[in-house]
C-alpha cells in the first residue's frame, strides 16, 4: 500500500525558525516530519520511494506516479532520459505527458513510444502526449524542475486554460 513517508527522531528538525505556519504544514502534533515523498514497504520492510506527492498525476480519479512510468520508459533502447508530468485536461483533470530525450542519432515517434507501452503498463498510464526535448529546466543544483517542465509542455501543446 502506498502512503506518505513521515520520519521522526532526534536528528529531525523541530520546525522552521520563525515560521509557525510552514512548521504546521510539514510537522504533525506528534512530531512526525512529512517528507512529501510517496512510498511503500515491501515484505522485508524495505522502503521503496515511488515519487513525490506534488508530482502525482490525477487522471480521471486515478493516481499516477510519474516515477513508475519514467522507469518503464528508460527500458526503451532509443530513450536516453524520460520525465513524466501531468498536463491540464478539461475532461480528465490531467493527462500524462512524457518529455523524452532520445539516444544520440536515434529516431523515434510518439506512436512508437505509445506502442512500446501498450500491454506493458496500465492503459491509463500510457502517455497521451509525447514530446521530444533536448534539455530539461534545471535548478541551480541540477535537479529537474517539474513545475517548469509542466508549464513548457502545456505551452507547446497549447493546453493553457484561459481564465
Protein backbone atom coordinates (compact mmCIF):
# COMPACT_ATOMS: atom_id res chain seq x y z
CA UNK A 1 0.00 0.00 0.00
CA UNK A 2 1.27 3.47 -0.89
CA UNK A 3 1.45 6.32 1.59
CA UNK A 4 3.31 9.47 2.52
CA UNK A 5 6.70 8.85 4.11
CA UNK A 6 6.98 10.50 7.52
CA UNK A 7 10.00 10.42 9.81
CA UNK A 8 10.69 11.24 13.44
CA UNK A 9 13.84 11.19 15.52
CA UNK A 10 16.42 13.17 17.45
CA UNK A 11 18.13 14.42 14.28
CA UNK A 12 14.94 15.58 12.53
CA UNK A 13 14.28 19.31 12.62
CA UNK A 14 11.79 20.68 15.12
CA UNK A 15 10.41 23.34 12.79
CA UNK A 16 11.08 26.37 10.66
CA UNK A 17 12.69 29.22 12.55
CA UNK A 18 10.13 31.99 12.98
CA UNK A 19 7.59 30.43 10.59
CA UNK A 20 4.84 28.68 12.56
CA UNK A 21 2.56 28.28 9.52
CA UNK A 22 5.21 26.43 7.49
CA UNK A 23 6.07 24.27 10.53
CA UNK A 24 2.41 23.24 10.95
CA UNK A 25 2.33 22.34 7.24
CA UNK A 26 5.10 19.77 7.46
CA UNK A 27 5.32 18.60 11.09
CA UNK A 28 2.45 16.84 12.87
CA UNK A 29 1.47 17.50 16.51
CA UNK A 30 3.17 14.20 17.38
CA UNK A 31 6.48 15.38 15.85
CA UNK A 32 6.37 13.43 12.57
CA UNK A 33 8.03 15.24 9.63
CA UNK A 34 6.06 14.87 6.38
CA UNK A 35 8.68 14.37 3.66
CA UNK A 36 6.38 14.85 0.68
CA UNK A 37 7.56 11.50 -0.72
CA UNK A 38 5.27 8.60 -1.53
CA UNK A 39 6.48 5.11 -0.72
CA UNK A 40 5.66 1.54 0.22
CA UNK A 41 7.17 -1.10 2.48
CA UNK A 42 7.90 -4.47 0.90
CA UNK A 43 7.64 -7.87 2.60
CA UNK A 44 11.10 -7.41 4.16
CA UNK A 45 10.26 -3.92 5.47
CA UNK A 46 12.45 -2.19 2.90
CA UNK A 47 11.09 1.19 1.89
CA UNK A 48 10.67 1.89 -1.80
CA UNK A 49 10.16 5.54 -2.74
CA UNK A 50 7.65 5.75 -5.58
CA UNK A 51 7.67 9.51 -6.17
CA UNK A 52 6.70 12.90 -4.81
CA UNK A 53 3.18 13.85 -3.74
CA UNK A 54 3.36 17.14 -5.65
CA UNK A 55 4.38 15.26 -8.84
CA UNK A 56 1.46 12.80 -8.65
CA UNK A 57 -0.90 12.98 -11.64
CA UNK A 58 -4.62 12.60 -11.01
CA UNK A 59 -6.21 11.49 -14.28
CA UNK A 60 -9.95 10.90 -14.07
CA UNK A 61 -9.70 9.83 -10.44
CA UNK A 62 -6.68 7.53 -10.95
CA UNK A 63 -3.48 8.36 -9.06
CA UNK A 64 -0.49 8.03 -11.37
CA UNK A 65 3.08 8.20 -10.12
CA UNK A 66 5.42 9.62 -12.79
CA UNK A 67 8.46 7.73 -11.47
CA UNK A 68 6.85 4.40 -12.36
CA UNK A 69 6.28 5.46 -15.98
CA UNK A 70 9.73 7.04 -16.21
CA UNK A 71 11.38 3.81 -15.03
CA UNK A 72 9.49 1.85 -17.67
CA UNK A 73 10.32 4.32 -20.46
CA UNK A 74 14.02 4.06 -19.59
CA UNK A 75 13.88 0.41 -20.72
CA UNK A 76 13.23 1.57 -24.33
CA UNK A 77 16.51 1.23 -26.24
CA UNK A 78 16.11 4.60 -28.02
CA UNK A 79 15.26 6.61 -24.91
CA UNK A 80 18.15 8.26 -23.09
CA UNK A 81 16.06 10.03 -20.45
CA UNK A 82 12.35 10.48 -19.73
CA UNK A 83 10.46 12.83 -17.46
CA UNK A 84 6.71 12.48 -16.99
CA UNK A 85 4.41 15.30 -15.92
CA UNK A 86 0.68 15.85 -15.68
CA UNK A 87 -0.72 18.45 -18.06
CA UNK A 88 -4.12 20.06 -17.75
CA UNK A 89 -7.10 18.44 -19.43
CA UNK A 90 -10.66 19.79 -19.30
CA UNK A 91 -12.28 16.33 -19.21
CA UNK A 92 -9.87 14.16 -17.21
CA UNK A 93 -8.36 16.86 -14.98
CA UNK A 94 -4.84 15.89 -16.01
CA UNK A 95 -3.28 13.81 -18.76
CA UNK A 96 0.08 12.05 -18.85
CA UNK A 97 2.81 13.77 -20.86
CA UNK A 98 6.23 12.19 -21.41
CA UNK A 99 9.11 14.55 -22.19
CA UNK A 100 11.78 12.38 -23.76
CA UNK A 101 15.45 12.80 -24.65
CA UNK A 102 16.49 10.29 -27.30
CA UNK A 103 19.81 8.49 -27.53
CA UNK A 104 22.07 10.49 -29.86
CA UNK A 105 21.43 9.61 -33.50
CA UNK A 106 18.21 7.71 -32.84
CA UNK A 107 14.79 8.45 -34.35
CA UNK A 108 11.53 7.68 -32.62
CA UNK A 109 7.93 8.84 -32.89
CA UNK A 110 5.23 9.41 -30.30
CA UNK A 111 3.37 6.44 -31.80
CA UNK A 112 6.46 4.22 -31.30
CA UNK A 113 6.59 5.19 -27.62
CA UNK A 114 2.87 4.54 -27.10
CA UNK A 115 3.09 1.18 -28.90
CA UNK A 116 6.04 0.22 -26.66
CA UNK A 117 3.89 0.97 -23.58
CA UNK A 118 0.78 -0.85 -24.79
CA UNK A 119 0.26 -4.11 -22.91
CA UNK A 120 3.26 -3.40 -20.65
CA UNK A 121 1.80 -0.74 -18.35
CA UNK A 122 -1.80 0.06 -17.43
CA UNK A 123 -3.66 1.75 -20.28
CA UNK A 124 -4.39 4.87 -18.22
CA UNK A 125 -0.64 5.33 -17.58
CA UNK A 126 0.29 5.34 -21.27
CA UNK A 127 1.30 8.92 -22.13
CA UNK A 128 -1.36 10.74 -24.11
CA UNK A 129 1.28 13.26 -25.15
CA UNK A 130 4.89 12.57 -26.05
CA UNK A 131 7.29 15.47 -26.52
CA UNK A 132 10.87 15.07 -27.67
CA UNK A 133 13.21 17.51 -25.94
CA UNK A 134 16.91 18.28 -25.90
CA UNK A 135 17.05 19.60 -22.32
CA UNK A 136 15.05 19.97 -19.12
CA UNK A 137 14.69 23.06 -16.92
CA UNK A 138 17.10 22.62 -14.00
CA UNK A 139 17.62 24.16 -10.59
CA UNK A 140 21.00 25.61 -9.70
CA UNK A 141 21.87 22.24 -8.11
CA UNK A 142 20.96 20.32 -11.28
CA UNK A 143 17.55 18.93 -10.25
CA UNK A 144 14.80 18.86 -12.86
CA UNK A 145 12.12 21.50 -12.24
CA UNK A 146 8.97 19.51 -12.97
CA UNK A 147 6.70 22.52 -12.44
CA UNK A 148 8.54 24.46 -15.17
CA UNK A 149 8.62 21.36 -17.38
CA UNK A 150 4.83 21.07 -16.99
CA UNK A 151 4.40 24.75 -17.94
CA UNK A 152 6.64 24.35 -21.01
CA UNK A 153 4.76 21.19 -22.08
CA UNK A 154 1.37 22.89 -21.71
CA UNK A 155 2.62 25.85 -23.73
CA UNK A 156 3.97 23.60 -26.51
CA UNK A 157 0.76 21.57 -26.56
CA UNK A 158 -1.34 24.75 -26.36
CA UNK A 159 -3.20 23.39 -23.32
CA UNK A 160 -3.19 26.52 -21.18
CA UNK A 161 -6.69 27.02 -19.81
CA UNK A 162 -7.99 30.50 -20.39
CA UNK A 163 -9.06 32.31 -17.25
